[in-house]
Amino acid sequence: MRLRVKFSKHGVLRFIGHLDVMRYFQKAIRRAGIDIAYSTGFSPHQIMSFAAPLGVGLESNGEYMDIEVHSLTSSGALIDALNAQMVDGIEILEARLLPDDAGNAMASVAAAKYSISFRPGCRPDFLTRSVIDDFNSQSEVIVTKKTKRSEATFDMKPSVYACSFDEESGSLSLTVDASSAGNIKPALVVKALYDMHHQAFDESVLLITREETYTNIGTAQDVQLRPLGYIGSDY
């Protein structure tokens, strides 16, 4: 049986890279006595996959991984067993039994929601609710996305599903494409706001938390986002 496990990651653990997080869970699962399934072959490994690896420096309330187990007492028992092995900064939030026809976590990712605040004294003066309203009203937002090997200029607007600003807290809320084909980093959206107001942008001033990771239960034309944990049921 396959399970989708949701967890959060906060504090100093935001500086731990994805491969180290994966190795950490492999050890925690063994210590917790979870009856996890292993691959066959010369070098068996736990059958585990993560939805969308979190960038170093980001915190999260909505990370997901899929695991395959031979047996399971209950979702609650698995959550308790894993949380007993967790260090401060990582917490297991839920575990859902997946139907046989469910896609794996990584292939299911369509979007992610982020909250973005600024380091003390670094919030830009131009950032107001009316600026975000103006951004949302634009028919297109042309940006340049750089990779290690190349760069590409494209219209980012169709990949931004929601953007709002809370003037009281001074934080942005973004829901953007997080699929493998069109992944948009939240810093790219913030940079576009800076560029629109001819301001220099420094990514290091951002404090970013991934709040949720979504799948699309609709179509490409009629997007209907639901949390990855929406697929499946309690056991």
C-alpha atoms as a PDB file:
ATOM      1  CA  MET A   1       0.000   0.000   0.000  1.00  0.00           C
ATOM      2  CA  ARG A   2       1.115   3.538  -0.768  1.00  0.00           C
ATOM      3  CA  LEU A   3       0.914   6.456   1.636  1.00  0.00           C
ATOM      4  CA  ARG A   4       1.227  10.196   1.132  1.00  0.00           C
ATOM      5  CA  VAL A   5       2.845  11.823   4.149  1.00  0.00           C
ATOM      6  CA  LYS A   6       2.679  15.580   4.789  1.00  0.00           C
ATOM      7  CA  PHE A   7       5.279  17.313   6.925  1.00  0.00           C
ATOM      8  CA  SER A   8       6.551  20.754   7.872  1.00  0.00           C
ATOM      9  CA  LYS A   9      10.129  22.027   8.043  1.00  0.00           C
ATOM     10  CA  HIS A  10      11.171  25.090  10.044  1.00  0.00           C
ATOM     11  CA  GLY A  11      14.008  26.780  11.871  1.00  0.00           C
ATOM     12  CA  VAL A  12      17.630  25.935  11.156  1.00  0.00           C
ATOM     13  CA  LEU A  13      16.509  22.879   9.172  1.00  0.00           C
ATOM     14  CA  ARG A  14      15.653  25.208   6.298  1.00  0.00           C
ATOM     15  CA  PHE A  15      19.380  25.160   5.533  1.00  0.00           C
ATOM     16  CA  ILE A  16      19.402  21.365   5.080  1.00  0.00           C
ATOM     17  CA  GLY A  17      19.377  20.304   1.428  1.00  0.00           C
ATOM     18  CA  HIS A  18      16.929  17.884  -0.129  1.00  0.00           C
ATOM     19  CA  LEU A  19      19.255  14.861  -0.276  1.00  0.00           C
ATOM     20  CA  ASP A  20      20.056  15.201   3.414  1.00  0.00           C
ATOM     21  CA  VAL A  21      16.341  15.454   4.227  1.00  0.00           C
ATOM     22  CA  MET A  22      15.724  12.274   2.244  1.00  0.00           C
ATOM     23  CA  ARG A  23      18.510  10.424   4.080  1.00  0.00           C
ATOM     24  CA  TYR A  24      17.147  11.709   7.390  1.00  0.00           C
ATOM     25  CA  PHE A  25      13.698  10.261   6.659  1.00  0.00           C
ATOM     26  CA  GLN A  26      15.186   6.942   5.594  1.00  0.00           C
ATOM     27  CA  LYS A  27      16.868   6.618   8.999  1.00  0.00           C
ATOM     28  CA  ALA A  28      13.818   7.889  10.900  1.00  0.00           C
ATOM     29  CA  ILE A  29      11.558   5.355   9.174  1.00  0.00           C
ATOM     30  CA  ARG A  30      13.873   2.518  10.180  1.00  0.00           C
ATOM     31  CA  ARG A  31      14.041   3.738  13.783  1.00  0.00           C
ATOM     32  CA  ALA A  32      10.242   4.103  13.890  1.00  0.00           C
ATOM     33  CA  GLY A  33       9.798   0.468  12.867  1.00  0.00           C
ATOM     34  CA  ILE A  34       7.690   1.320   9.820  1.00  0.00           C
ATOM     35  CA  ASP A  35       7.137  -1.771   7.637  1.00  0.00           C
ATOM     36  CA  ILE A  36       8.398   0.027   4.539  1.00  0.00           C
ATOM     37  CA  ALA A  37       8.889  -1.705   1.201  1.00  0.00           C
ATOM     38  CA  TYR A  38      12.293  -1.895  -0.483  1.00  0.00           C
ATOM     39  CA  SER A  39      13.218  -2.042  -4.126  1.00  0.00           C
ATOM     40  CA  THR A  40      14.677  -5.221  -5.548  1.00  0.00           C
ATOM     41  CA  GLY A  41      18.113  -5.618  -7.057  1.00  0.00           C
ATOM     42  CA  PHE A  42      21.724  -5.509  -5.955  1.00  0.00           C
ATOM     43  CA  SER A  43      21.305  -2.377  -3.798  1.00  0.00           C
ATOM     44  CA  PRO A  44      17.761  -2.252  -2.305  1.00  0.00           C
ATOM     45  CA  HIS A  45      16.483   1.115  -1.144  1.00  0.00           C
ATOM     46  CA  GLN A  46      13.303   2.320   0.531  1.00  0.00           C
ATOM     47  CA  ILE A  47      10.494   3.070  -1.902  1.00  0.00           C
ATOM     48  CA  MET A  48      10.085   6.783  -1.264  1.00  0.00           C
ATOM     49  CA  SER A  49       9.570   9.853  -3.446  1.00  0.00           C
ATOM     50  CA  PHE A  50       9.209  13.548  -2.609  1.00  0.00           C
ATOM     51  CA  ALA A  51       6.734  15.876  -4.278  1.00  0.00           C
ATOM     52  CA  ALA A  52       8.770  19.023  -4.918  1.00  0.00           C
ATOM     53  CA  PRO A  53      12.194  19.407  -3.281  1.00  0.00           C
ATOM     54  CA  LEU A  54      12.301  22.551  -1.160  1.00  0.00           C
ATOM     55  CA  GLY A  55      15.025  25.080  -1.892  1.00  0.00           C
ATOM     56  CA  VAL A  56      17.698  25.656   0.737  1.00  0.00           C
ATOM     57  CA  GLY A  57      16.736  28.553   3.009  1.00  0.00           C
ATOM     58  CA  LEU A  58      12.981  28.096   2.640  1.00  0.00           C
ATOM     59  CA  GLU A  59      10.646  26.935   5.402  1.00  0.00           C
ATOM     60  CA  SER A  60       7.473  24.970   4.748  1.00  0.00           C
ATOM     61  CA  ASN A  61       4.118  23.925   6.168  1.00  0.00           C
ATOM     62  CA  GLY A  62       3.220  21.796   3.166  1.00  0.00           C
ATOM     63  CA  GLU A  63       5.835  19.210   2.109  1.00  0.00           C
ATOM     64  CA  TYR A  64       4.834  15.765   0.855  1.00  0.00           C
ATOM     65  CA  MET A  65       6.469  12.416   0.296  1.00  0.00           C
ATOM     66  CA  ASP A  66       5.064   9.082  -0.892  1.00  0.00           C
ATOM     67  CA  ILE A  67       6.168   5.840   0.713  1.00  0.00           C
ATOM     68  CA  GLU A  68       5.198   2.229   0.111  1.00  0.00           C
ATOM     69  CA  VAL A  69       4.607  -0.086   3.089  1.00  0.00           C
ATOM     70  CA  HIS A  70       3.799  -3.773   3.454  1.00  0.00           C
ATOM     71  CA  SER A  71       1.512  -3.260   6.444  1.00  0.00           C
ATOM     72  CA  LEU A  72      -0.034  -0.408   8.425  1.00  0.00           C
ATOM     73  CA  THR A  73      -1.859  -0.291  11.754  1.00  0.00           C
ATOM     74  CA  SER A  74      -3.411   3.134  11.120  1.00  0.00           C
ATOM     75  CA  SER A  75      -2.559   6.560   9.749  1.00  0.00           C
ATOM     76  CA  GLY A  76      -2.498   7.960  13.266  1.00  0.00           C
ATOM     77  CA  ALA A  77      -0.118   5.270  14.514  1.00  0.00           C
ATOM     78  CA  LEU A  78       2.293   5.970  11.657  1.00  0.00           C
ATOM     79  CA  ILE A  79       2.199   9.720  12.363  1.00  0.00           C
ATOM     80  CA  ASP A  80       2.891   9.162  16.057  1.00  0.00           C
ATOM     81  CA  ALA A  81       5.706   6.683  15.365  1.00  0.00           C
ATOM     82  CA  LEU A  82       7.454   9.049  12.971  1.00  0.00           C
ATOM     83  CA  ASN A  83       6.968  12.138  15.146  1.00  0.00           C
ATOM     84  CA  ALA A  84       8.610  10.268  18.015  1.00  0.00           C
ATOM     85  CA  GLN A  85      11.758  10.155  15.837  1.00  0.00           C
ATOM     86  CA  MET A  86      11.643  13.724  14.509  1.00  0.00           C
ATOM     87  CA  VAL A  87      14.074  16.424  15.556  1.00  0.00           C
ATOM     88  CA  ASP A  88      12.909  19.949  16.372  1.00  0.00           C
ATOM     89  CA  GLY A  89      11.961  21.654  13.124  1.00  0.00           C
ATOM     90  CA  ILE A  90      10.310  18.721  11.337  1.00  0.00           C
ATOM     91  CA  GLU A  91       6.786  17.548  12.157  1.00  0.00           C
ATOM     92  CA  ILE A  92       4.606  14.921  10.474  1.00  0.00           C
ATOM     93  CA  LEU A  93       1.198  16.512   9.869  1.00  0.00           C
ATOM     94  CA  GLU A  94      -0.844  13.831   8.105  1.00  0.00           C
ATOM     95  CA  ALA A  95      -0.700  10.476   6.329  1.00  0.00           C
ATOM     96  CA  ARG A  96      -3.177   9.438   3.645  1.00  0.00           C
ATOM     97  CA  LEU A  97      -3.686   6.051   2.018  1.00  0.00           C
ATOM     98  CA  LEU A  98      -3.466   6.474  -1.761  1.00  0.00           C
ATOM     99  CA  PRO A  99      -5.776   4.739  -4.237  1.00  0.00           C
ATOM    100  CA  ASP A 100      -4.122   2.296  -6.631  1.00  0.00           C
ATOM    101  CA  ASP A 101      -4.486   4.655  -9.614  1.00  0.00           C
ATOM    102  CA  ALA A 102      -2.976   7.719  -7.906  1.00  0.00           C
ATOM    103  CA  GLY A 103       0.053   9.253  -9.583  1.00  0.00           C
ATOM    104  CA  ASN A 104       3.234   9.677  -7.586  1.00  0.00           C
ATOM    105  CA  ALA A 105       3.812  12.839  -5.584  1.00  0.00           C
ATOM    106  CA  MET A 106       6.374  14.420  -7.896  1.00  0.00           C
ATOM    107  CA  ALA A 107       4.318  13.908 -11.057  1.00  0.00           C
ATOM    108  CA  SER A 108       1.179  15.223  -9.311  1.00  0.00           C
ATOM    109  CA  VAL A 109       2.533  18.660  -8.393  1.00  0.00           C
ATOM    110  CA  ALA A 110       0.818  21.519 -10.211  1.00  0.00           C
ATOM    111  CA  ALA A 111       1.264  24.559  -7.962  1.00  0.00           C
ATOM    112  CA  ALA A 112       2.513  25.823  -4.617  1.00  0.00           C
ATOM    113  CA  LYS A 113       1.446  28.584  -2.256  1.00  0.00           C
ATOM    114  CA  TYR A 114       4.054  30.764  -0.569  1.00  0.00           C
ATOM    115  CA  SER A 115       4.034  33.477   2.060  1.00  0.00           C
ATOM    116  CA  ILE A 116       6.836  36.011   1.685  1.00  0.00           C
ATOM    117  CA  SER A 117       7.960  38.555   4.249  1.00  0.00           C
ATOM    118  CA  PHE A 118      11.045  40.743   4.448  1.00  0.00           C
ATOM    119  CA  ARG A 119      13.952  40.929   6.837  1.00  0.00           C
ATOM    120  CA  PRO A 120      13.653  43.812   9.348  1.00  0.00           C
ATOM    121  CA  GLY A 121      14.201  47.147   7.665  1.00  0.00           C
ATOM    122  CA  CYS A 122      14.164  45.636   4.151  1.00  0.00           C
ATOM    123  CA  ARG A 123      10.506  45.939   3.138  1.00  0.00           C
ATOM    124  CA  PRO A 124      10.381  48.122  -0.001  1.00  0.00           C
ATOM    125  CA  ASP A 125       8.487  51.419   0.310  1.00  0.00           C
ATOM    126  CA  PHE A 126       6.730  50.969  -3.037  1.00  0.00           C
ATOM    127  CA  LEU A 127       5.012  47.727  -2.028  1.00  0.00           C
ATOM    128  CA  THR A 128       1.329  48.358  -1.334  1.00  0.00           C
ATOM    129  CA  ARG A 129      -1.958  46.612  -2.014  1.00  0.00           C
ATOM    130  CA  SER A 130      -2.618  48.911  -4.973  1.00  0.00           C
ATOM    131  CA  VAL A 131       0.718  47.861  -6.504  1.00  0.00           C
ATOM    132  CA  ILE A 132      -0.354  44.221  -6.288  1.00  0.00           C
ATOM    133  CA  ASP A 133      -3.753  45.078  -7.757  1.00  0.00           C
ATOM    134  CA  ASP A 134      -1.950  46.742 -10.662  1.00  0.00           C
ATOM    135  CA  PHE A 135       0.283  43.668 -11.069  1.00  0.00           C
ATOM    136  CA  ASN A 136      -2.761  41.383 -11.138  1.00  0.00           C
ATOM    137  CA  SER A 137      -4.433  43.541 -13.789  1.00  0.00           C
ATOM    138  CA  GLN A 138      -1.500  43.273 -16.217  1.00  0.00           C
ATOM    139  CA  SER A 139      -2.229  41.236 -19.331  1.00  0.00           C
ATOM    140  CA  GLU A 140       1.356  39.954 -19.353  1.00  0.00           C
ATOM    141  CA  VAL A 141       4.492  40.079 -17.213  1.00  0.00           C
ATOM    142  CA  ILE A 142       7.646  39.456 -19.240  1.00  0.00           C
ATOM    143  CA  VAL A 143      10.578  38.096 -17.213  1.00  0.00           C
ATOM    144  CA  THR A 144      13.903  36.408 -17.837  1.00  0.00           C
ATOM    145  CA  LYS A 145      14.449  33.068 -16.149  1.00  0.00           C
ATOM    146  CA  LYS A 146      18.075  32.057 -15.746  1.00  0.00           C
ATOM    147  CA  THR A 147      19.470  28.569 -15.307  1.00  0.00           C
ATOM    148  CA  LYS A 148      23.044  27.346 -14.951  1.00  0.00           C
ATOM    149  CA  ARG A 149      23.312  26.843 -18.712  1.00  0.00           C
ATOM    150  CA  SER A 150      20.958  29.333 -20.333  1.00  0.00           C
ATOM    151  CA  GLU A 151      18.273  31.954 -19.897  1.00  0.00           C
ATOM    152  CA  ALA A 152      14.802  32.337 -21.380  1.00  0.00           C
ATOM    153  CA  THR A 153      12.410  35.281 -21.670  1.00  0.00           C
ATOM    154  CA  PHE A 154       8.705  34.489 -21.319  1.00  0.00           C
ATOM    155  CA  ASP A 155       5.343  35.734 -20.050  1.00  0.00           C
ATOM    156  CA  MET A 156       5.085  34.733 -16.387  1.00  0.00           C
ATOM    157  CA  LYS A 157       1.499  35.933 -15.866  1.00  0.00           C
ATOM    158  CA  PRO A 158      -0.311  32.661 -16.753  1.00  0.00           C
ATOM    159  CA  SER A 159       1.851  30.877 -14.156  1.00  0.00           C
ATOM    160  CA  VAL A 160       0.784  33.165 -11.287  1.00  0.00           C
ATOM    161  CA  TYR A 161      -2.540  31.825 -10.015  1.00  0.00           C
ATOM    162  CA  ALA A 162      -2.943  34.249  -7.107  1.00  0.00           C
ATOM    163  CA  CYS A 163      -1.057  37.208  -5.654  1.00  0.00           C
ATOM    164  CA  SER A 164      -2.093  39.346  -2.670  1.00  0.00           C
ATOM    165  CA  PHE A 165      -0.520  41.657  -0.101  1.00  0.00           C
ATOM    166  CA  ASP A 166      -1.330  42.117   3.590  1.00  0.00           C
ATOM    167  CA  GLU A 167      -0.413  45.688   4.479  1.00  0.00           C
ATOM    168  CA  GLU A 168      -0.713  45.044   8.217  1.00  0.00           C
ATOM    169  CA  SER A 169       1.866  42.234   8.270  1.00  0.00           C
ATOM    170  CA  GLY A 170       3.767  43.473   5.221  1.00  0.00           C
ATOM    171  CA  SER A 171       3.739  39.997   3.645  1.00  0.00           C
ATOM    172  CA  LEU A 172       2.941  38.698   0.203  1.00  0.00           C
ATOM    173  CA  SER A 173       0.919  35.576  -0.570  1.00  0.00           C
ATOM    174  CA  LEU A 174       1.646  33.839  -3.887  1.00  0.00           C
ATOM    175  CA  THR A 175       0.252  30.771  -5.590  1.00  0.00           C
ATOM    176  CA  VAL A 176       2.341  29.865  -8.621  1.00  0.00           C
ATOM    177  CA  ASP A 177       3.009  27.042 -11.061  1.00  0.00           C
ATOM    178  CA  ALA A 178       5.282  24.459  -9.424  1.00  0.00           C
ATOM    179  CA  SER A 179       5.055  21.706 -12.040  1.00  0.00           C
ATOM    180  CA  SER A 180       8.181  20.215 -13.552  1.00  0.00           C
ATOM    181  CA  ALA A 181       7.372  21.858 -16.885  1.00  0.00           C
ATOM    182  CA  GLY A 182       6.666  25.394 -15.655  1.00  0.00           C
ATOM    183  CA  ASN A 183       8.101  25.819 -12.181  1.00  0.00           C
ATOM    184  CA  ILE A 184       8.120  29.463 -11.040  1.00  0.00           C
ATOM    185  CA  LYS A 185      10.218  30.450  -8.044  1.00  0.00           C
ATOM    186  CA  PRO A 186       8.512  32.983  -5.760  1.00  0.00           C
ATOM    187  CA  ALA A 187      11.605  35.212  -5.829  1.00  0.00           C
ATOM    188  CA  LEU A 188      11.109  35.620  -9.594  1.00  0.00           C
ATOM    189  CA  VAL A 189       7.665  37.146  -8.984  1.00  0.00           C
ATOM    190  CA  VAL A 190       9.034  39.513  -6.342  1.00  0.00           C
ATOM    191  CA  LYS A 191      11.859  40.524  -8.679  1.00  0.00           C
ATOM    192  CA  ALA A 192       9.266  41.372 -11.340  1.00  0.00           C
ATOM    193  CA  LEU A 193       7.588  43.723  -8.861  1.00  0.00           C
ATOM    194  CA  TYR A 194      10.923  45.402  -8.143  1.00  0.00           C
ATOM    195  CA  ASP A 195      11.689  45.693 -11.870  1.00  0.00           C
ATOM    196  CA  MET A 196       8.294  47.293 -12.532  1.00  0.00           C
ATOM    197  CA  HIS A 197       9.278  50.059 -10.093  1.00  0.00           C
ATOM    198  CA  HIS A 198      12.912  50.292 -11.233  1.00  0.00           C
ATOM    199  CA  GLN A 199      14.281  49.115  -7.897  1.00  0.00           C
ATOM    200  CA  ALA A 200      17.367  46.972  -7.306  1.00  0.00           C
ATOM    201  CA  PHE A 201      16.459  43.513  -6.060  1.00  0.00           C
ATOM    202  CA  ASP A 202      18.343  41.440  -3.481  1.00  0.00           C
ATOM    203  CA  GLU A 203      16.875  37.967  -2.965  1.00  0.00           C
ATOM    204  CA  SER A 204      18.561  37.625   0.433  1.00  0.00           C
ATOM    205  CA  VAL A 205      16.048  40.042   2.025  1.00  0.00           C
ATOM    206  CA  LEU A 206      13.183  37.578   1.470  1.00  0.00           C
ATOM    207  CA  LEU A 207      11.843  35.202   4.123  1.00  0.00           C
ATOM    208  CA  ILE A 208       9.894  32.549   2.225  1.00  0.00           C
ATOM    209  CA  THR A 209       7.599  29.830   3.558  1.00  0.00           C
ATOM    210  CA  ARG A 210       5.897  27.273   1.340  1.00  0.00           C
ATOM    211  CA  GLU A 211       2.410  27.002   2.795  1.00  0.00           C
ATOM    212  CA  GLU A 212       0.968  24.254   0.604  1.00  0.00           C
ATOM    213  CA  THR A 213       1.656  22.105  -2.458  1.00  0.00           C
ATOM    214  CA  TYR A 214      -1.189  21.443  -4.870  1.00  0.00           C
ATOM    215  CA  THR A 215      -2.343  19.072  -7.566  1.00  0.00           C
ATOM    216  CA  ASN A 216      -4.729  20.035 -10.375  1.00  0.00           C
ATOM    217  CA  ILE A 217      -7.943  17.980 -10.413  1.00  0.00           C
ATOM    218  CA  GLY A 218      -9.263  20.011 -13.346  1.00  0.00           C
ATOM    219  CA  THR A 219      -7.744  20.588 -16.770  1.00  0.00           C
ATOM    220  CA  ALA A 220      -5.060  22.833 -18.213  1.00  0.00           C
ATOM    221  CA  GLN A 221      -7.802  25.256 -19.277  1.00  0.00           C
ATOM    222  CA  ASP A 222      -9.897  24.929 -16.094  1.00  0.00           C
ATOM    223  CA  VAL A 223      -7.373  24.693 -13.251  1.00  0.00           C
ATOM    224  CA  GLN A 224      -8.790  23.392  -9.951  1.00  0.00           C
ATOM    225  CA  LEU A 225      -6.089  23.249  -7.305  1.00  0.00           C
ATOM    226  CA  ARG A 226      -6.313  20.940  -4.316  1.00  0.00           C
ATOM    227  CA  PRO A 227      -3.661  20.056  -1.684  1.00  0.00           C
ATOM    228  CA  LEU A 228      -1.727  16.886  -2.516  1.00  0.00           C
ATOM    229  CA  GLY A 229      -3.251  15.344   0.608  1.00  0.00           C
ATOM    230  CA  TYR A 230      -6.675  15.712  -0.992  1.00  0.00           C
ATOM    231  CA  ILE A 231      -5.875  12.552  -2.927  1.00  0.00           C
ATOM    232  CA  GLY A 232      -6.320   9.575  -0.613  1.00  0.00           C
ATOM    233  CA  SER A 233      -8.052   8.793   2.671  1.00  0.00           C
ATOM    234  CA  ASP A 234      -7.360   8.119   6.336  1.00  0.00           C
ATOM    235  CA  TYR A 235      -6.658   4.498   7.236  1.00  0.00           C
END
